[in-house]
């Protein structure tokens, strides 16, 4: 990777390191557990409902950078939480539009169902 990209990746990853590592572990568990257990695992993940816009942008960037290692069910979970959280920031329309465009880049279960 190029040095500037690597620095940005490390900064974003550091800010949410524990949360992302929990997401990686949960992703591995979701691959082996039955579908009925998915909700139980998702409830163990850290919520982003209380994040401010800056935290949302940073966390979403972490998800995008690592989405190949994250189970689509978890990506759906966080996409839903972020969308709910954005409703609190209606006065920041441009920032919300940017975040929504990034949300559309996540490879979620929803996209898998619609594509095939």
PDB file of N, CA and C in Angstrom:
ATOM      1  N   UNK A   1       0.844  -1.196   0.000  1.00  0.00           N
ATOM      2  CA  UNK A   1       0.000   0.000   0.000  1.00  0.00           C
ATOM      3  C   UNK A   1       0.878   1.244   0.000  1.00  0.00           C
ATOM      4  N   UNK A   2       0.302   2.306  -0.499  1.00  0.00           N
ATOM      5  CA  UNK A   2       1.014   3.572  -0.493  1.00  0.00           C
ATOM      6  C   UNK A   2       1.063   4.126   0.928  1.00  0.00           C
ATOM      7  N   UNK A   3       2.129   4.863   1.286  1.00  0.00           N
ATOM      8  CA  UNK A   3       2.300   5.337   2.665  1.00  0.00           C
ATOM      9  C   UNK A   3       1.122   6.142   3.199  1.00  0.00           C
ATOM     10  N   UNK A   4       0.564   7.078   2.417  1.00  0.00           N
ATOM     11  CA  UNK A   4      -0.545   7.900   2.914  1.00  0.00           C
ATOM     12  C   UNK A   4      -1.795   7.071   3.161  1.00  0.00           C
ATOM     13  N   UNK A   5      -2.053   6.133   2.274  1.00  0.00           N
ATOM     14  CA  UNK A   5      -3.211   5.257   2.458  1.00  0.00           C
ATOM     15  C   UNK A   5      -3.013   4.398   3.696  1.00  0.00           C
ATOM     16  N   UNK A   6      -1.797   3.894   3.864  1.00  0.00           N
ATOM     17  CA  UNK A   6      -1.496   3.053   5.029  1.00  0.00           C
ATOM     18  C   UNK A   6      -1.658   3.844   6.327  1.00  0.00           C
ATOM     19  N   UNK A   7      -1.188   5.096   6.349  1.00  0.00           N
ATOM     20  CA  UNK A   7      -1.330   5.926   7.557  1.00  0.00           C
ATOM     21  C   UNK A   7      -2.802   6.158   7.876  1.00  0.00           C
ATOM     22  N   UNK A   8      -3.599   6.470   6.857  1.00  0.00           N
ATOM     23  CA  UNK A   8      -5.030   6.696   7.069  1.00  0.00           C
ATOM     24  C   UNK A   8      -5.694   5.423   7.581  1.00  0.00           C
ATOM     25  N   UNK A   9      -5.328   4.288   6.983  1.00  0.00           N
ATOM     26  CA  UNK A   9      -5.877   3.002   7.406  1.00  0.00           C
ATOM     27  C   UNK A   9      -5.536   2.733   8.870  1.00  0.00           C
ATOM     28  N   UNK A  10      -4.278   2.965   9.246  1.00  0.00           N
ATOM     29  CA  UNK A  10      -3.853   2.713  10.625  1.00  0.00           C
ATOM     30  C   UNK A  10      -4.575   3.636  11.587  1.00  0.00           C
ATOM     31  N   UNK A  11      -4.748   4.907  11.210  1.00  0.00           N
ATOM     32  CA  UNK A  11      -5.440   5.852  12.086  1.00  0.00           C
ATOM     33  C   UNK A  11      -6.884   5.418  12.312  1.00  0.00           C
ATOM     34  N   UNK A  12      -7.571   5.097  11.232  1.00  0.00           N
ATOM     35  CA  UNK A  12      -8.967   4.672  11.347  1.00  0.00           C
ATOM     36  C   UNK A  12      -9.054   3.366  12.119  1.00  0.00           C
ATOM     37  N   UNK A  13      -8.192   2.439  11.785  1.00  0.00           N
ATOM     38  CA  UNK A  13      -8.208   1.138  12.441  1.00  0.00           C
ATOM     39  C   UNK A  13      -7.891   1.273  13.927  1.00  0.00           C
ATOM     40  N   UNK A  14      -6.982   2.164  14.290  1.00  0.00           N
ATOM     41  CA  UNK A  14      -6.627   2.345  15.694  1.00  0.00           C
ATOM     42  C   UNK A  14      -7.807   2.874  16.488  1.00  0.00           C
ATOM     43  N   UNK A  15      -8.536   3.823  15.907  1.00  0.00           N
ATOM     44  CA  UNK A  15      -9.652   4.431  16.621  1.00  0.00           C
ATOM     45  C   UNK A  15     -10.728   3.413  16.981  1.00  0.00           C
ATOM     46  N   UNK A  16     -10.896   2.404  16.150  1.00  0.00           N
ATOM     47  CA  UNK A  16     -11.960   1.424  16.371  1.00  0.00           C
ATOM     48  C   UNK A  16     -11.404   0.012  16.455  1.00  0.00           C
ATOM     49  N   UNK A  17     -10.147  -0.097  16.847  1.00  0.00           N
ATOM     50  CA  UNK A  17      -9.447  -1.385  16.825  1.00  0.00           C
ATOM     51  C   UNK A  17     -10.186  -2.470  17.597  1.00  0.00           C
ATOM     52  N   UNK A  18     -10.552  -2.189  18.830  1.00  0.00           N
ATOM     53  CA  UNK A  18     -11.222  -3.209  19.639  1.00  0.00           C
ATOM     54  C   UNK A  18     -12.569  -3.587  19.041  1.00  0.00           C
ATOM     55  N   UNK A  19     -13.293  -2.592  18.565  1.00  0.00           N
ATOM     56  CA  UNK A  19     -14.600  -2.857  17.990  1.00  0.00           C
ATOM     57  C   UNK A  19     -14.461  -3.671  16.712  1.00  0.00           C
ATOM     58  N   UNK A  20     -13.516  -3.327  15.854  1.00  0.00           N
ATOM     59  CA  UNK A  20     -13.314  -4.071  14.614  1.00  0.00           C
ATOM     60  C   UNK A  20     -12.858  -5.496  14.914  1.00  0.00           C
ATOM     61  N   UNK A  21     -11.973  -5.676  15.895  1.00  0.00           N
ATOM     62  CA  UNK A  21     -11.532  -7.036  16.214  1.00  0.00           C
ATOM     63  C   UNK A  21     -12.699  -7.862  16.737  1.00  0.00           C
ATOM     64  N   UNK A  22     -13.601  -7.257  17.495  1.00  0.00           N
ATOM     65  CA  UNK A  22     -14.807  -7.950  17.936  1.00  0.00           C
ATOM     66  C   UNK A  22     -15.684  -8.319  16.738  1.00  0.00           C
ATOM     67  N   UNK A  23     -15.736  -7.421  15.773  1.00  0.00           N
ATOM     68  CA  UNK A  23     -16.519  -7.678  14.570  1.00  0.00           C
ATOM     69  C   UNK A  23     -15.920  -8.846  13.790  1.00  0.00           C
ATOM     70  N   UNK A  24     -14.587  -8.888  13.694  1.00  0.00           N
ATOM     71  CA  UNK A  24     -13.929 -10.008  13.003  1.00  0.00           C
ATOM     72  C   UNK A  24     -14.251 -11.330  13.690  1.00  0.00           C
ATOM     73  N   UNK A  25     -14.180 -11.347  15.024  1.00  0.00           N
ATOM     74  CA  UNK A  25     -14.490 -12.573  15.765  1.00  0.00           C
ATOM     75  C   UNK A  25     -15.946 -12.987  15.553  1.00  0.00           C
ATOM     76  N   UNK A  26     -16.846 -12.020  15.635  1.00  0.00           N
ATOM     77  CA  UNK A  26     -18.259 -12.322  15.437  1.00  0.00           C
ATOM     78  C   UNK A  26     -18.508 -12.823  14.010  1.00  0.00           C
ATOM     79  N   UNK A  27     -17.790 -12.267  13.042  1.00  0.00           N
ATOM     80  CA  UNK A  27     -17.930 -12.711  11.648  1.00  0.00           C
ATOM     81  C   UNK A  27     -17.552 -14.177  11.508  1.00  0.00           C
ATOM     82  N   UNK A  28     -16.476 -14.569  12.162  1.00  0.00           N
ATOM     83  CA  UNK A  28     -16.055 -15.967  12.120  1.00  0.00           C
ATOM     84  C   UNK A  28     -17.098 -16.864  12.782  1.00  0.00           C
ATOM     85  N   UNK A  29     -17.663 -16.399  13.909  1.00  0.00           N
ATOM     86  CA  UNK A  29     -18.690 -17.186  14.592  1.00  0.00           C
ATOM     87  C   UNK A  29     -19.943 -17.337  13.732  1.00  0.00           C
ATOM     88  N   UNK A  30     -20.324 -16.248  13.041  1.00  0.00           N
ATOM     89  CA  UNK A  30     -21.528 -16.295  12.213  1.00  0.00           C
ATOM     90  C   UNK A  30     -21.410 -17.311  11.088  1.00  0.00           C
ATOM     91  N   UNK A  31     -20.199 -17.592  10.662  1.00  0.00           N
ATOM     92  CA  UNK A  31     -19.997 -18.570   9.589  1.00  0.00           C
ATOM     93  C   UNK A  31     -20.343 -19.984  10.043  1.00  0.00           C
ATOM     94  N   UNK A  32     -20.250 -20.238  11.343  1.00  0.00           N
ATOM     95  CA  UNK A  32     -20.436 -21.604  11.828  1.00  0.00           C
ATOM     96  C   UNK A  32     -21.707 -21.814  12.657  1.00  0.00           C
ATOM     97  N   UNK A  33     -22.343 -20.748  13.121  1.00  0.00           N
ATOM     98  CA  UNK A  33     -23.550 -20.924  13.942  1.00  0.00           C
ATOM     99  C   UNK A  33     -24.795 -20.931  13.066  1.00  0.00           C
ATOM    100  N   UNK A  34     -25.860 -21.452  13.630  1.00  0.00           N
ATOM    101  CA  UNK A  34     -27.128 -21.486  12.916  1.00  0.00           C
ATOM    102  C   UNK A  34     -27.727 -20.083  12.854  1.00  0.00           C
ATOM    103  N   UNK A  35     -28.565 -19.883  11.858  1.00  0.00           N
ATOM    104  CA  UNK A  35     -29.158 -18.571  11.620  1.00  0.00           C
ATOM    105  C   UNK A  35     -29.914 -18.039  12.845  1.00  0.00           C
ATOM    106  N   UNK A  36     -30.528 -18.911  13.618  1.00  0.00           N
ATOM    107  CA  UNK A  36     -31.286 -18.474  14.792  1.00  0.00           C
ATOM    108  C   UNK A  36     -30.379 -17.858  15.859  1.00  0.00           C
ATOM    109  N   UNK A  37     -29.092 -18.157  15.810  1.00  0.00           N
ATOM    110  CA  UNK A  37     -28.152 -17.621  16.792  1.00  0.00           C
ATOM    111  C   UNK A  37     -27.548 -16.283  16.360  1.00  0.00           C
ATOM    112  N   UNK A  38     -27.830 -15.853  15.142  1.00  0.00           N
ATOM    113  CA  UNK A  38     -27.252 -14.601  14.644  1.00  0.00           C
ATOM    114  C   UNK A  38     -27.635 -13.416  15.527  1.00  0.00           C
ATOM    115  N   UNK A  39     -28.910 -13.345  15.901  1.00  0.00           N
ATOM    116  CA  UNK A  39     -29.380 -12.206  16.699  1.00  0.00           C
ATOM    117  C   UNK A  39     -28.642 -12.129  18.033  1.00  0.00           C
ATOM    118  N   UNK A  40     -28.400 -13.270  18.647  1.00  0.00           N
ATOM    119  CA  UNK A  40     -27.669 -13.315  19.919  1.00  0.00           C
ATOM    120  C   UNK A  40     -26.256 -12.735  19.752  1.00  0.00           C
ATOM    121  N   UNK A  41     -25.589 -13.111  18.671  1.00  0.00           N
ATOM    122  CA  UNK A  41     -24.241 -12.593  18.419  1.00  0.00           C
ATOM    123  C   UNK A  41     -24.263 -11.098  18.130  1.00  0.00           C
ATOM    124  N   UNK A  42     -25.243 -10.651  17.368  1.00  0.00           N
ATOM    125  CA  UNK A  42     -25.329  -9.230  17.045  1.00  0.00           C
ATOM    126  C   UNK A  42     -25.563  -8.382  18.291  1.00  0.00           C
ATOM    127  N   UNK A  43     -26.321  -8.908  19.239  1.00  0.00           N
ATOM    128  CA  UNK A  43     -26.573  -8.174  20.480  1.00  0.00           C
ATOM    129  C   UNK A  43     -25.310  -7.975  21.302  1.00  0.00           C
ATOM    130  N   UNK A  44     -24.290  -8.784  21.058  1.00  0.00           N
ATOM    131  CA  UNK A  44     -23.028  -8.655  21.781  1.00  0.00           C
ATOM    132  C   UNK A  44     -22.131  -7.568  21.197  1.00  0.00           C
ATOM    133  N   UNK A  45     -22.407  -7.158  19.960  1.00  0.00           N
ATOM    134  CA  UNK A  45     -21.574  -6.149  19.315  1.00  0.00           C
ATOM    135  C   UNK A  45     -21.859  -4.762  19.883  1.00  0.00           C
ATOM    136  N   UNK A  46     -20.853  -3.934  19.850  1.00  0.00           N
ATOM    137  CA  UNK A  46     -20.987  -2.566  20.346  1.00  0.00           C
ATOM    138  C   UNK A  46     -21.918  -1.771  19.437  1.00  0.00           C
ATOM    139  N   UNK A  47     -22.821  -1.044  20.037  1.00  0.00           N
ATOM    140  CA  UNK A  47     -23.763  -0.224  19.293  1.00  0.00           C
ATOM    141  C   UNK A  47     -23.093   1.070  18.820  1.00  0.00           C
ATOM    142  N   UNK A  48     -23.563   1.609  17.703  1.00  0.00           N
ATOM    143  CA  UNK A  48     -23.064   2.895  17.212  1.00  0.00           C
ATOM    144  C   UNK A  48     -24.167   3.952  17.239  1.00  0.00           C
ATOM    145  N   UNK A  49     -25.262   3.634  17.901  1.00  0.00           N
ATOM    146  CA  UNK A  49     -26.415   4.536  17.942  1.00  0.00           C
ATOM    147  C   UNK A  49     -26.059   5.899  18.542  1.00  0.00           C
ATOM    148  N   UNK A  50     -25.156   5.934  19.480  1.00  0.00           N
ATOM    149  CA  UNK A  50     -24.816   7.196  20.145  1.00  0.00           C
ATOM    150  C   UNK A  50     -23.631   7.926  19.507  1.00  0.00           C
ATOM    151  N   UNK A  51     -23.103   7.401  18.417  1.00  0.00           N
ATOM    152  CA  UNK A  51     -21.958   8.045  17.759  1.00  0.00           C
ATOM    153  C   UNK A  51     -22.356   9.391  17.168  1.00  0.00           C
ATOM    154  N   UNK A  52     -21.422  10.350  17.211  1.00  0.00           N
ATOM    155  CA  UNK A  52     -21.655  11.606  16.503  1.00  0.00           C
ATOM    156  C   UNK A  52     -21.236  11.418  15.039  1.00  0.00           C
ATOM    157  N   UNK A  53     -21.442  12.429  14.217  1.00  0.00           N
ATOM    158  CA  UNK A  53     -21.172  12.286  12.783  1.00  0.00           C
ATOM    159  C   UNK A  53     -19.715  11.947  12.487  1.00  0.00           C
ATOM    160  N   UNK A  54     -18.813  12.521  13.228  1.00  0.00           N
ATOM    161  CA  UNK A  54     -17.393  12.240  13.027  1.00  0.00           C
ATOM    162  C   UNK A  54     -17.079  10.773  13.327  1.00  0.00           C
ATOM    163  N   UNK A  55     -17.603  10.275  14.425  1.00  0.00           N
ATOM    164  CA  UNK A  55     -17.397   8.863  14.782  1.00  0.00           C
ATOM    165  C   UNK A  55     -18.048   7.939  13.754  1.00  0.00           C
ATOM    166  N   UNK A  56     -19.218   8.324  13.277  1.00  0.00           N
ATOM    167  CA  UNK A  56     -19.902   7.516  12.263  1.00  0.00           C
ATOM    168  C   UNK A  56     -19.035   7.414  11.012  1.00  0.00           C
ATOM    169  N   UNK A  57     -18.517   8.562  10.554  1.00  0.00           N
ATOM    170  CA  UNK A  57     -17.686   8.561   9.344  1.00  0.00           C
ATOM    171  C   UNK A  57     -16.451   7.691   9.527  1.00  0.00           C
ATOM    172  N   UNK A  58     -15.793   7.817  10.664  1.00  0.00           N
ATOM    173  CA  UNK A  58     -14.587   7.021  10.919  1.00  0.00           C
ATOM    174  C   UNK A  58     -14.903   5.532  11.013  1.00  0.00           C
ATOM    175  N   UNK A  59     -15.966   5.209  11.709  1.00  0.00           N
ATOM    176  CA  UNK A  59     -16.333   3.801  11.863  1.00  0.00           C
ATOM    177  C   UNK A  59     -16.744   3.206  10.518  1.00  0.00           C
ATOM    178  N   UNK A  60     -17.521   3.946   9.756  1.00  0.00           N
ATOM    179  CA  UNK A  60     -17.941   3.474   8.442  1.00  0.00           C
ATOM    180  C   UNK A  60     -16.727   3.260   7.540  1.00  0.00           C
ATOM    181  N   UNK A  61     -15.754   4.130   7.632  1.00  0.00           N
ATOM    182  CA  UNK A  61     -14.525   3.957   6.847  1.00  0.00           C
ATOM    183  C   UNK A  61     -13.825   2.655   7.247  1.00  0.00           C
ATOM    184  N   UNK A  62     -13.812   2.354   8.537  1.00  0.00           N
ATOM    185  CA  UNK A  62     -13.233   1.092   9.005  1.00  0.00           C
ATOM    186  C   UNK A  62     -13.984  -0.107   8.445  1.00  0.00           C
ATOM    187  N   UNK A  63     -15.309  -0.010   8.448  1.00  0.00           N
ATOM    188  CA  UNK A  63     -16.115  -1.097   7.888  1.00  0.00           C
ATOM    189  C   UNK A  63     -15.820  -1.294   6.401  1.00  0.00           C
ATOM    190  N   UNK A  64     -15.738  -0.191   5.674  1.00  0.00           N
ATOM    191  CA  UNK A  64     -15.472  -0.280   4.237  1.00  0.00           C
ATOM    192  C   UNK A  64     -14.101  -0.882   3.953  1.00  0.00           C
ATOM    193  N   UNK A  65     -13.106  -0.472   4.722  1.00  0.00           N
ATOM    194  CA  UNK A  65     -11.754  -0.986   4.519  1.00  0.00           C
ATOM    195  C   UNK A  65     -11.646  -2.477   4.842  1.00  0.00           C
ATOM    196  N   UNK A  66     -12.497  -2.940   5.751  1.00  0.00           N
ATOM    197  CA  UNK A  66     -12.395  -4.318   6.245  1.00  0.00           C
ATOM    198  C   UNK A  66     -13.567  -5.200   5.845  1.00  0.00           C
ATOM    199  N   UNK A  67     -14.428  -4.734   4.970  1.00  0.00           N
ATOM    200  CA  UNK A  67     -15.669  -5.466   4.708  1.00  0.00           C
ATOM    201  C   UNK A  67     -15.461  -6.868   4.145  1.00  0.00           C
ATOM    202  N   UNK A  68     -14.333  -7.121   3.521  1.00  0.00           N
ATOM    203  CA  UNK A  68     -14.076  -8.479   3.019  1.00  0.00           C
ATOM    204  C   UNK A  68     -13.902  -9.482   4.146  1.00  0.00           C
ATOM    205  N   UNK A  69     -13.580  -8.985   5.348  1.00  0.00           N
ATOM    206  CA  UNK A  69     -13.361  -9.855   6.498  1.00  0.00           C
ATOM    207  C   UNK A  69     -14.569  -9.888   7.440  1.00  0.00           C
ATOM    208  N   UNK A  70     -15.617  -9.137   7.086  1.00  0.00           N
ATOM    209  CA  UNK A  70     -16.779  -8.995   7.972  1.00  0.00           C
ATOM    210  C   UNK A  70     -17.987  -9.676   7.334  1.00  0.00           C
ATOM    211  N   UNK A  71     -18.669 -10.472   8.120  1.00  0.00           N
ATOM    212  CA  UNK A  71     -19.859 -11.192   7.652  1.00  0.00           C
ATOM    213  C   UNK A  71     -20.932 -10.176   7.220  1.00  0.00           C
ATOM    214  N   UNK A  72     -21.626 -10.444   6.107  1.00  0.00           N
ATOM    215  CA  UNK A  72     -22.660  -9.520   5.621  1.00  0.00           C
ATOM    216  C   UNK A  72     -23.773  -9.239   6.633  1.00  0.00           C
ATOM    217  N   UNK A  73     -24.063 -10.179   7.509  1.00  0.00           N
ATOM    218  CA  UNK A  73     -25.089  -9.954   8.539  1.00  0.00           C
ATOM    219  C   UNK A  73     -24.647  -8.826   9.473  1.00  0.00           C
ATOM    220  N   UNK A  74     -23.369  -8.779   9.782  1.00  0.00           N
ATOM    221  CA  UNK A  74     -22.845  -7.724  10.648  1.00  0.00           C
ATOM    222  C   UNK A  74     -22.851  -6.390   9.913  1.00  0.00           C
ATOM    223  N   UNK A  75     -22.510  -6.414   8.637  1.00  0.00           N
ATOM    224  CA  UNK A  75     -22.566  -5.185   7.846  1.00  0.00           C
ATOM    225  C   UNK A  75     -23.996  -4.650   7.791  1.00  0.00           C
ATOM    226  N   UNK A  76     -24.973  -5.549   7.641  1.00  0.00           N
ATOM    227  CA  UNK A  76     -26.385  -5.141   7.674  1.00  0.00           C
ATOM    228  C   UNK A  76     -26.736  -4.497   9.019  1.00  0.00           C
ATOM    229  N   UNK A  77     -26.281  -5.133  10.086  1.00  0.00           N
ATOM    230  CA  UNK A  77     -26.551  -4.652  11.435  1.00  0.00           C
ATOM    231  C   UNK A  77     -26.057  -3.215  11.609  1.00  0.00           C
ATOM    232  N   UNK A  78     -24.808  -2.966  11.228  1.00  0.00           N
ATOM    233  CA  UNK A  78     -24.250  -1.624  11.393  1.00  0.00           C
ATOM    234  C   UNK A  78     -24.823  -0.634  10.386  1.00  0.00           C
ATOM    235  N   UNK A  79     -25.138  -1.082   9.196  1.00  0.00           N
ATOM    236  CA  UNK A  79     -25.761  -0.193   8.219  1.00  0.00           C
ATOM    237  C   UNK A  79     -27.093   0.321   8.763  1.00  0.00           C
ATOM    238  N   UNK A  80     -27.874  -0.574   9.340  1.00  0.00           N
ATOM    239  CA  UNK A  80     -29.158  -0.209   9.930  1.00  0.00           C
ATOM    240  C   UNK A  80     -28.983   0.768  11.092  1.00  0.00           C
ATOM    241  N   UNK A  81     -28.024   0.485  11.969  1.00  0.00           N
ATOM    242  CA  UNK A  81     -27.783   1.371  13.107  1.00  0.00           C
ATOM    243  C   UNK A  81     -27.330   2.758  12.662  1.00  0.00           C
ATOM    244  N   UNK A  82     -26.449   2.791  11.675  1.00  0.00           N
ATOM    245  CA  UNK A  82     -25.953   4.084  11.185  1.00  0.00           C
ATOM    246  C   UNK A  82     -27.089   4.874  10.550  1.00  0.00           C
ATOM    247  N   UNK A  83     -27.916   4.219   9.761  1.00  0.00           N
ATOM    248  CA  UNK A  83     -29.060   4.911   9.148  1.00  0.00           C
ATOM    249  C   UNK A  83     -29.981   5.493  10.222  1.00  0.00           C
ATOM    250  N   UNK A  84     -30.240   4.736  11.264  1.00  0.00           N
ATOM    251  CA  UNK A  84     -31.085   5.221  12.364  1.00  0.00           C
ATOM    252  C   UNK A  84     -30.452   6.417  13.047  1.00  0.00           C
ATOM    253  N   UNK A  85     -29.157   6.334  13.248  1.00  0.00           N
ATOM    254  CA  UNK A  85     -28.432   7.405  13.921  1.00  0.00           C
ATOM    255  C   UNK A  85     -28.432   8.689  13.090  1.00  0.00           C
ATOM    256  N   UNK A  86     -28.373   8.579  11.796  1.00  0.00           N
ATOM    257  CA  UNK A  86     -28.304   9.759  10.923  1.00  0.00           C
ATOM    258  C   UNK A  86     -29.548  10.634  11.031  1.00  0.00           C
ATOM    259  N   UNK A  87     -30.663  10.064  11.424  1.00  0.00           N
ATOM    260  CA  UNK A  87     -31.904  10.835  11.544  1.00  0.00           C
ATOM    261  C   UNK A  87     -31.783  11.964  12.561  1.00  0.00           C
ATOM    262  N   UNK A  88     -30.861  11.822  13.501  1.00  0.00           N
ATOM    263  CA  UNK A  88     -30.667  12.858  14.527  1.00  0.00           C
ATOM    264  C   UNK A  88     -29.962  14.092  13.979  1.00  0.00           C
ATOM    265  N   UNK A  89     -29.345  13.964  12.805  1.00  0.00           N
ATOM    266  CA  UNK A  89     -28.501  15.039  12.279  1.00  0.00           C
ATOM    267  C   UNK A  89     -29.086  15.650  11.011  1.00  0.00           C
ATOM    268  N   UNK A  90     -30.360  15.915  10.997  1.00  0.00           N
ATOM    269  CA  UNK A  90     -31.024  16.405   9.790  1.00  0.00           C
ATOM    270  C   UNK A  90     -30.478  17.755   9.321  1.00  0.00           C
ATOM    271  N   UNK A  91     -29.858  18.521  10.205  1.00  0.00           N
ATOM    272  CA  UNK A  91     -29.311  19.825   9.811  1.00  0.00           C
ATOM    273  C   UNK A  91     -27.993  19.704   9.044  1.00  0.00           C
ATOM    274  N   UNK A  92     -27.439  18.506   8.952  1.00  0.00           N
ATOM    275  CA  UNK A  92     -26.171  18.275   8.251  1.00  0.00           C
ATOM    276  C   UNK A  92     -26.422  17.458   6.977  1.00  0.00           C
ATOM    277  N   UNK A  93     -27.251  17.976   6.100  1.00  0.00           N
ATOM    278  CA  UNK A  93     -27.710  17.226   4.927  1.00  0.00           C
ATOM    279  C   UNK A  93     -26.575  16.757   4.016  1.00  0.00           C
ATOM    280  N   UNK A  94     -25.596  17.602   3.757  1.00  0.00           N
ATOM    281  CA  UNK A  94     -24.506  17.220   2.868  1.00  0.00           C
ATOM    282  C   UNK A  94     -23.680  16.081   3.462  1.00  0.00           C
ATOM    283  N   UNK A  95     -23.346  16.187   4.748  1.00  0.00           N
ATOM    284  CA  UNK A  95     -22.588  15.119   5.402  1.00  0.00           C
ATOM    285  C   UNK A  95     -23.375  13.810   5.406  1.00  0.00           C
ATOM    286  N   UNK A  96     -24.665  13.906   5.618  1.00  0.00           N
ATOM    287  CA  UNK A  96     -25.509  12.711   5.624  1.00  0.00           C
ATOM    288  C   UNK A  96     -25.537  12.068   4.240  1.00  0.00           C
ATOM    289  N   UNK A  97     -25.624  12.881   3.195  1.00  0.00           N
ATOM    290  CA  UNK A  97     -25.612  12.342   1.830  1.00  0.00           C
ATOM    291  C   UNK A  97     -24.310  11.596   1.545  1.00  0.00           C
ATOM    292  N   UNK A  98     -23.200  12.148   2.009  1.00  0.00           N
ATOM    293  CA  UNK A  98     -21.900  11.501   1.806  1.00  0.00           C
ATOM    294  C   UNK A  98     -21.857  10.167   2.541  1.00  0.00           C
ATOM    295  N   UNK A  99     -22.309  10.166   3.780  1.00  0.00           N
ATOM    296  CA  UNK A  99     -22.326   8.930   4.574  1.00  0.00           C
ATOM    297  C   UNK A  99     -23.242   7.898   3.919  1.00  0.00           C
ATOM    298  N   UNK A 100     -24.397   8.326   3.444  1.00  0.00           N
ATOM    299  CA  UNK A 100     -25.323   7.392   2.788  1.00  0.00           C
ATOM    300  C   UNK A 100     -24.706   6.779   1.535  1.00  0.00           C
ATOM    301  N   UNK A 101     -23.946   7.559   0.791  1.00  0.00           N
ATOM    302  CA  UNK A 101     -23.255   7.009  -0.395  1.00  0.00           C
ATOM    303  C   UNK A 101     -22.246   5.944   0.013  1.00  0.00           C
ATOM    304  N   UNK A 102     -21.545   6.204   1.113  1.00  0.00           N
ATOM    305  CA  UNK A 102     -20.587   5.206   1.613  1.00  0.00           C
ATOM    306  C   UNK A 102     -21.318   3.965   2.116  1.00  0.00           C
ATOM    307  N   UNK A 103     -22.466   4.147   2.745  1.00  0.00           N
ATOM    308  CA  UNK A 103     -23.254   3.004   3.212  1.00  0.00           C
ATOM    309  C   UNK A 103     -23.652   2.106   2.044  1.00  0.00           C
ATOM    310  N   UNK A 104     -23.954   2.709   0.916  1.00  0.00           N
ATOM    311  CA  UNK A 104     -24.336   1.933  -0.266  1.00  0.00           C
ATOM    312  C   UNK A 104     -23.197   1.065  -0.786  1.00  0.00           C
ATOM    313  N   UNK A 105     -21.973   1.367  -0.407  1.00  0.00           N
ATOM    314  CA  UNK A 105     -20.811   0.595  -0.857  1.00  0.00           C
ATOM    315  C   UNK A 105     -20.600  -0.677  -0.037  1.00  0.00           C
ATOM    316  N   UNK A 106     -21.284  -0.778   1.102  1.00  0.00           N
ATOM    317  CA  UNK A 106     -21.140  -1.973   1.933  1.00  0.00           C
ATOM    318  C   UNK A 106     -21.782  -3.171   1.249  1.00  0.00           C
ATOM    319  N   UNK A 107     -21.077  -4.294   1.261  1.00  0.00           N
ATOM    320  CA  UNK A 107     -21.614  -5.540   0.696  1.00  0.00           C
ATOM    321  C   UNK A 107     -22.397  -6.267   1.771  1.00  0.00           C
ATOM    322  N   UNK A 108     -23.682  -6.081   1.757  1.00  0.00           N
ATOM    323  CA  UNK A 108     -24.547  -6.616   2.815  1.00  0.00           C
ATOM    324  C   UNK A 108     -25.378  -7.783   2.307  1.00  0.00           C
ATOM    325  N   UNK A 109     -26.084  -8.439   3.216  1.00  0.00           N
ATOM    326  CA  UNK A 109     -27.005  -9.529   2.871  1.00  0.00           C
ATOM    327  C   UNK A 109     -28.065  -9.008   1.911  1.00  0.00           C
ATOM    328  N   UNK A 110     -28.542  -7.807   2.170  1.00  0.00           N
ATOM    329  CA  UNK A 110     -29.581  -7.190   1.357  1.00  0.00           C
ATOM    330  C   UNK A 110     -29.156  -7.138  -0.111  1.00  0.00           C
ATOM    331  N   UNK A 111     -27.909  -6.743  -0.369  1.00  0.00           N
ATOM    332  CA  UNK A 111     -27.396  -6.684  -1.733  1.00  0.00           C
ATOM    333  C   UNK A 111     -27.289  -8.077  -2.335  1.00  0.00           C
ATOM    334  N   UNK A 112     -26.872  -9.047  -1.535  1.00  0.00           N
ATOM    335  CA  UNK A 112     -26.748 -10.422  -2.041  1.00  0.00           C
ATOM    336  C   UNK A 112     -28.103 -10.941  -2.494  1.00  0.00           C
ATOM    337  N   UNK A 113     -29.159 -10.663  -1.719  1.00  0.00           N
ATOM    338  CA  UNK A 113     -30.512 -11.130  -2.068  1.00  0.00           C
ATOM    339  C   UNK A 113     -30.981 -10.477  -3.369  1.00  0.00           C
ATOM    340  N   UNK A 114     -30.709  -9.182  -3.522  1.00  0.00           N
ATOM    341  CA  UNK A 114     -31.172  -8.447  -4.700  1.00  0.00           C
ATOM    342  C   UNK A 114     -30.392  -8.831  -5.966  1.00  0.00           C
ATOM    343  N   UNK A 115     -29.148  -9.252  -5.807  1.00  0.00           N
ATOM    344  CA  UNK A 115     -28.304  -9.590  -6.959  1.00  0.00           C
ATOM    345  C   UNK A 115     -28.390 -11.056  -7.359  1.00  0.00           C
ATOM    346  N   UNK A 116     -28.929 -11.862  -6.546  1.00  0.00           N
ATOM    347  CA  UNK A 116     -28.897 -13.249  -6.969  1.00  0.00           C
ATOM    348  C   UNK A 116     -29.634 -14.104  -6.060  1.00  0.00           C
TER     349      UNK A 116
END
